[in-house]
Structure formats: C-alpha cells, structure tokens
C-alpha cells in the first residue's frame, strides 16, 4: 500500500467512526456521560447543542446515546435540526 493510499484509508476509517470527533472519543459511545467535563463537551458537539440542552435531554430520555439522539431529532434544535 502506498503512503498516499494509507493516508486516504486512515482518513476514511476515522470519518466512518461516529464516536470520533477532532481527536476525542467518548469512553462509551453508547452512554452519554455527564460526569466528565470533556465528555459533556464531546456530546454537546456530537448533538450540536448546548450543555443545558444536553442535560435536559439526558434527564428526559435517559443516558443512552440512541435515546438522546431520538430526543433531539424530535426537537427543532440540536442533532437533526434543519
């Protein structure tokens, strides 16, 4: 594999991994952890929301990432907003 091909492969692999954003990876990409400040920043960026909106979503939908994603998809802001 040429070095150019290897770089393209690595970029594609990182883009395909939904739990990887700008060098940060959630400890558990199935659970939204509000106990660590860096994870709050990670999930806020992942769902395109504020910290307060993220905390409200976890309060109402639980800490499962799928449930939080669905909660935001049913709202006009955050993840899935037009």
N, C-alpha and C. Protein backbone atom coordinates (compact mmCIF):
# COMPACT_ATOMS: atom_id res chain seq x y z
N UNK A 1 0.86 -1.18 0.00
CA UNK A 1 0.00 0.00 0.00
C UNK A 1 0.90 1.24 0.00
N UNK A 2 0.66 2.15 -0.91
CA UNK A 2 1.43 3.38 -0.98
C UNK A 2 1.05 4.29 0.19
N UNK A 3 1.97 5.19 0.56
CA UNK A 3 1.69 6.06 1.71
C UNK A 3 0.48 6.94 1.46
N UNK A 4 0.27 7.38 0.22
CA UNK A 4 -0.92 8.19 -0.11
C UNK A 4 -2.19 7.38 0.12
N UNK A 5 -2.20 6.14 -0.33
CA UNK A 5 -3.37 5.26 -0.14
C UNK A 5 -3.62 4.98 1.34
N UNK A 6 -2.54 4.80 2.09
CA UNK A 6 -2.68 4.54 3.52
C UNK A 6 -3.32 5.73 4.22
N UNK A 7 -2.91 6.96 3.85
CA UNK A 7 -3.46 8.16 4.45
C UNK A 7 -4.96 8.28 4.12
N UNK A 8 -5.33 8.02 2.89
CA UNK A 8 -6.75 8.08 2.49
C UNK A 8 -7.55 7.02 3.25
N UNK A 9 -7.00 5.82 3.40
CA UNK A 9 -7.67 4.76 4.15
C UNK A 9 -7.88 5.18 5.60
N UNK A 10 -6.84 5.73 6.23
CA UNK A 10 -6.96 6.15 7.62
C UNK A 10 -7.98 7.26 7.78
N UNK A 11 -8.01 8.22 6.85
CA UNK A 11 -9.00 9.30 6.92
C UNK A 11 -10.41 8.74 6.77
N UNK A 12 -10.62 7.83 5.86
CA UNK A 12 -11.94 7.23 5.66
C UNK A 12 -12.37 6.45 6.90
N UNK A 13 -11.44 5.75 7.52
CA UNK A 13 -11.76 4.97 8.72
C UNK A 13 -12.18 5.89 9.86
N UNK A 14 -11.49 7.01 10.01
CA UNK A 14 -11.83 7.94 11.08
C UNK A 14 -13.16 8.63 10.81
N UNK A 15 -13.46 8.94 9.56
CA UNK A 15 -14.73 9.57 9.22
C UNK A 15 -15.89 8.61 9.45
N UNK A 16 -15.66 7.33 9.27
CA UNK A 16 -16.72 6.34 9.44
C UNK A 16 -17.03 6.06 10.90
N UNK A 17 -16.12 6.39 11.80
CA UNK A 17 -16.32 6.12 13.21
C UNK A 17 -17.06 7.28 13.84
N UNK A 18 -18.35 7.11 14.13
CA UNK A 18 -19.18 8.19 14.64
C UNK A 18 -18.82 8.69 16.03
N UNK A 19 -18.10 7.88 16.81
CA UNK A 19 -17.74 8.29 18.17
C UNK A 19 -16.43 9.06 18.21
N UNK A 20 -15.87 9.41 17.05
CA UNK A 20 -14.57 10.07 16.99
C UNK A 20 -14.75 11.46 16.39
N UNK A 21 -14.45 12.49 17.18
CA UNK A 21 -14.60 13.86 16.70
C UNK A 21 -13.38 14.66 17.12
N UNK A 22 -12.64 15.22 16.17
CA UNK A 22 -11.50 16.08 16.45
C UNK A 22 -10.56 15.51 17.50
N UNK A 23 -10.24 14.24 17.39
CA UNK A 23 -9.28 13.63 18.30
C UNK A 23 -9.87 13.20 19.63
N UNK A 24 -11.15 13.41 19.83
CA UNK A 24 -11.79 12.99 21.09
C UNK A 24 -12.69 11.80 20.81
N UNK A 25 -12.66 10.86 21.71
CA UNK A 25 -13.52 9.67 21.60
C UNK A 25 -14.21 9.48 22.94
N UNK A 26 -15.51 9.27 22.91
CA UNK A 26 -16.24 9.02 24.15
C UNK A 26 -15.76 7.70 24.74
N UNK A 27 -15.70 7.62 26.06
CA UNK A 27 -15.28 6.38 26.70
C UNK A 27 -16.22 5.25 26.33
N UNK A 28 -17.49 5.52 26.30
CA UNK A 28 -18.50 4.54 25.93
C UNK A 28 -19.44 5.23 24.96
N UNK A 29 -19.37 4.88 23.69
CA UNK A 29 -20.18 5.61 22.71
C UNK A 29 -21.65 5.21 22.73
N UNK A 30 -22.06 4.37 23.67
CA UNK A 30 -23.47 4.01 23.83
C UNK A 30 -24.13 4.79 24.96
N UNK A 31 -23.32 5.39 25.83
CA UNK A 31 -23.83 6.11 27.01
C UNK A 31 -23.33 7.54 27.02
N UNK A 32 -24.22 8.48 27.33
CA UNK A 32 -23.85 9.88 27.45
C UNK A 32 -23.45 10.11 28.91
N UNK A 33 -22.17 10.36 29.12
CA UNK A 33 -21.63 10.54 30.47
C UNK A 33 -21.54 12.04 30.76
N UNK A 34 -22.31 12.51 31.72
CA UNK A 34 -22.28 13.92 32.10
C UNK A 34 -21.34 14.16 33.28
N UNK A 35 -20.66 13.14 33.74
CA UNK A 35 -19.79 13.26 34.90
C UNK A 35 -18.41 13.80 34.59
N UNK A 36 -18.00 13.80 33.33
CA UNK A 36 -16.69 14.29 32.94
C UNK A 36 -16.87 15.51 32.04
N UNK A 37 -16.24 16.63 32.39
CA UNK A 37 -16.40 17.85 31.57
C UNK A 37 -16.04 17.65 30.09
N UNK A 38 -14.99 16.87 29.80
CA UNK A 38 -14.61 16.67 28.41
C UNK A 38 -15.65 15.83 27.67
N UNK A 39 -16.33 14.92 28.37
CA UNK A 39 -17.39 14.14 27.71
C UNK A 39 -18.62 15.01 27.46
N UNK A 40 -18.92 15.93 28.37
CA UNK A 40 -20.02 16.86 28.14
C UNK A 40 -19.73 17.68 26.88
N UNK A 41 -18.49 18.15 26.73
CA UNK A 41 -18.11 18.90 25.52
C UNK A 41 -18.22 18.01 24.28
N UNK A 42 -17.76 16.76 24.40
CA UNK A 42 -17.83 15.83 23.27
C UNK A 42 -19.28 15.63 22.82
N UNK A 43 -20.16 15.30 23.78
CA UNK A 43 -21.56 15.01 23.42
C UNK A 43 -22.29 16.27 22.97
N UNK A 44 -21.95 17.42 23.53
CA UNK A 44 -22.57 18.67 23.07
C UNK A 44 -22.21 18.93 21.62
N UNK A 45 -20.96 18.65 21.28
CA UNK A 45 -20.54 18.82 19.88
C UNK A 45 -21.19 17.76 18.98
N UNK A 46 -21.27 16.55 19.48
CA UNK A 46 -21.87 15.45 18.70
C UNK A 46 -23.33 15.73 18.36
N UNK A 47 -24.09 16.25 19.33
CA UNK A 47 -25.51 16.53 19.11
C UNK A 47 -25.80 17.97 18.72
N UNK A 48 -24.73 18.78 18.58
CA UNK A 48 -24.87 20.19 18.17
C UNK A 48 -25.86 20.92 19.08
N UNK A 49 -25.56 20.91 20.37
CA UNK A 49 -26.46 21.52 21.36
C UNK A 49 -25.63 22.18 22.46
N UNK A 50 -26.32 22.89 23.32
CA UNK A 50 -25.65 23.48 24.48
C UNK A 50 -25.58 22.44 25.59
N UNK A 51 -24.79 22.74 26.60
CA UNK A 51 -24.68 21.83 27.74
C UNK A 51 -26.03 21.70 28.45
N UNK A 52 -26.74 22.79 28.60
CA UNK A 52 -28.05 22.74 29.26
C UNK A 52 -29.04 21.88 28.48
N UNK A 53 -29.03 22.00 27.15
CA UNK A 53 -29.92 21.18 26.33
C UNK A 53 -29.55 19.71 26.45
N UNK A 54 -28.24 19.42 26.49
CA UNK A 54 -27.79 18.03 26.65
C UNK A 54 -28.25 17.47 27.99
N UNK A 55 -28.10 18.24 29.05
CA UNK A 55 -28.52 17.77 30.38
C UNK A 55 -30.04 17.54 30.42
N UNK A 56 -30.80 18.40 29.77
CA UNK A 56 -32.25 18.22 29.72
C UNK A 56 -32.60 16.94 28.95
N UNK A 57 -31.91 16.71 27.84
CA UNK A 57 -32.17 15.51 27.04
C UNK A 57 -31.88 14.24 27.85
N UNK A 58 -30.77 14.22 28.58
CA UNK A 58 -30.42 13.05 29.39
C UNK A 58 -31.43 12.87 30.52
N UNK A 59 -31.88 13.97 31.11
CA UNK A 59 -32.89 13.89 32.17
C UNK A 59 -34.18 13.26 31.65
N UNK A 60 -34.59 13.64 30.44
CA UNK A 60 -35.87 13.19 29.90
C UNK A 60 -35.78 11.87 29.14
N UNK A 61 -34.65 11.61 28.49
CA UNK A 61 -34.56 10.42 27.64
C UNK A 61 -33.66 9.33 28.21
N UNK A 62 -32.96 9.63 29.30
CA UNK A 62 -32.00 8.66 29.84
C UNK A 62 -30.63 8.89 29.23
N UNK A 63 -29.65 8.08 29.67
CA UNK A 63 -28.28 8.33 29.24
C UNK A 63 -27.86 7.52 28.01
N UNK A 64 -28.75 6.77 27.43
CA UNK A 64 -28.42 6.05 26.20
C UNK A 64 -28.28 7.00 25.03
N UNK A 65 -27.19 6.87 24.27
CA UNK A 65 -26.93 7.78 23.16
C UNK A 65 -28.05 7.74 22.11
N UNK A 66 -28.60 6.56 21.87
CA UNK A 66 -29.70 6.45 20.90
C UNK A 66 -30.95 7.19 21.35
N UNK A 67 -31.26 7.09 22.62
CA UNK A 67 -32.42 7.80 23.16
C UNK A 67 -32.23 9.30 23.13
N UNK A 68 -31.02 9.75 23.44
CA UNK A 68 -30.74 11.19 23.40
C UNK A 68 -30.79 11.68 21.96
N UNK A 69 -30.25 10.89 21.03
CA UNK A 69 -30.29 11.26 19.61
C UNK A 69 -31.75 11.38 19.14
N UNK A 70 -32.60 10.43 19.54
CA UNK A 70 -34.01 10.49 19.17
C UNK A 70 -34.70 11.69 19.80
N UNK A 71 -34.34 12.00 21.05
CA UNK A 71 -34.91 13.16 21.73
C UNK A 71 -34.61 14.42 20.95
N UNK A 72 -33.37 14.59 20.51
CA UNK A 72 -33.01 15.77 19.73
C UNK A 72 -33.67 15.77 18.36
N UNK A 73 -33.82 14.60 17.76
CA UNK A 73 -34.43 14.52 16.43
C UNK A 73 -35.89 14.98 16.47
N UNK A 74 -36.53 14.86 17.62
CA UNK A 74 -37.92 15.29 17.77
C UNK A 74 -38.05 16.76 18.16
N UNK A 75 -36.94 17.45 18.24
CA UNK A 75 -36.95 18.89 18.60
C UNK A 75 -36.46 19.70 17.42
N UNK A 76 -36.59 21.01 17.51
CA UNK A 76 -36.18 21.90 16.42
C UNK A 76 -34.74 22.37 16.53
N UNK A 77 -34.01 21.98 17.58
CA UNK A 77 -32.62 22.38 17.74
C UNK A 77 -31.76 21.15 17.96
N UNK A 78 -30.48 21.33 17.85
CA UNK A 78 -29.56 20.24 18.12
C UNK A 78 -29.50 19.26 16.97
N UNK A 79 -29.13 18.03 17.27
CA UNK A 79 -28.92 16.99 16.29
C UNK A 79 -30.18 16.78 15.45
N UNK A 80 -30.02 16.77 14.16
CA UNK A 80 -31.15 16.54 13.26
C UNK A 80 -31.95 17.77 12.93
N UNK A 81 -31.54 18.93 13.44
CA UNK A 81 -32.27 20.17 13.14
C UNK A 81 -32.05 20.56 11.69
N UNK A 82 -33.05 21.16 11.07
CA UNK A 82 -32.90 21.55 9.66
C UNK A 82 -31.84 22.60 9.46
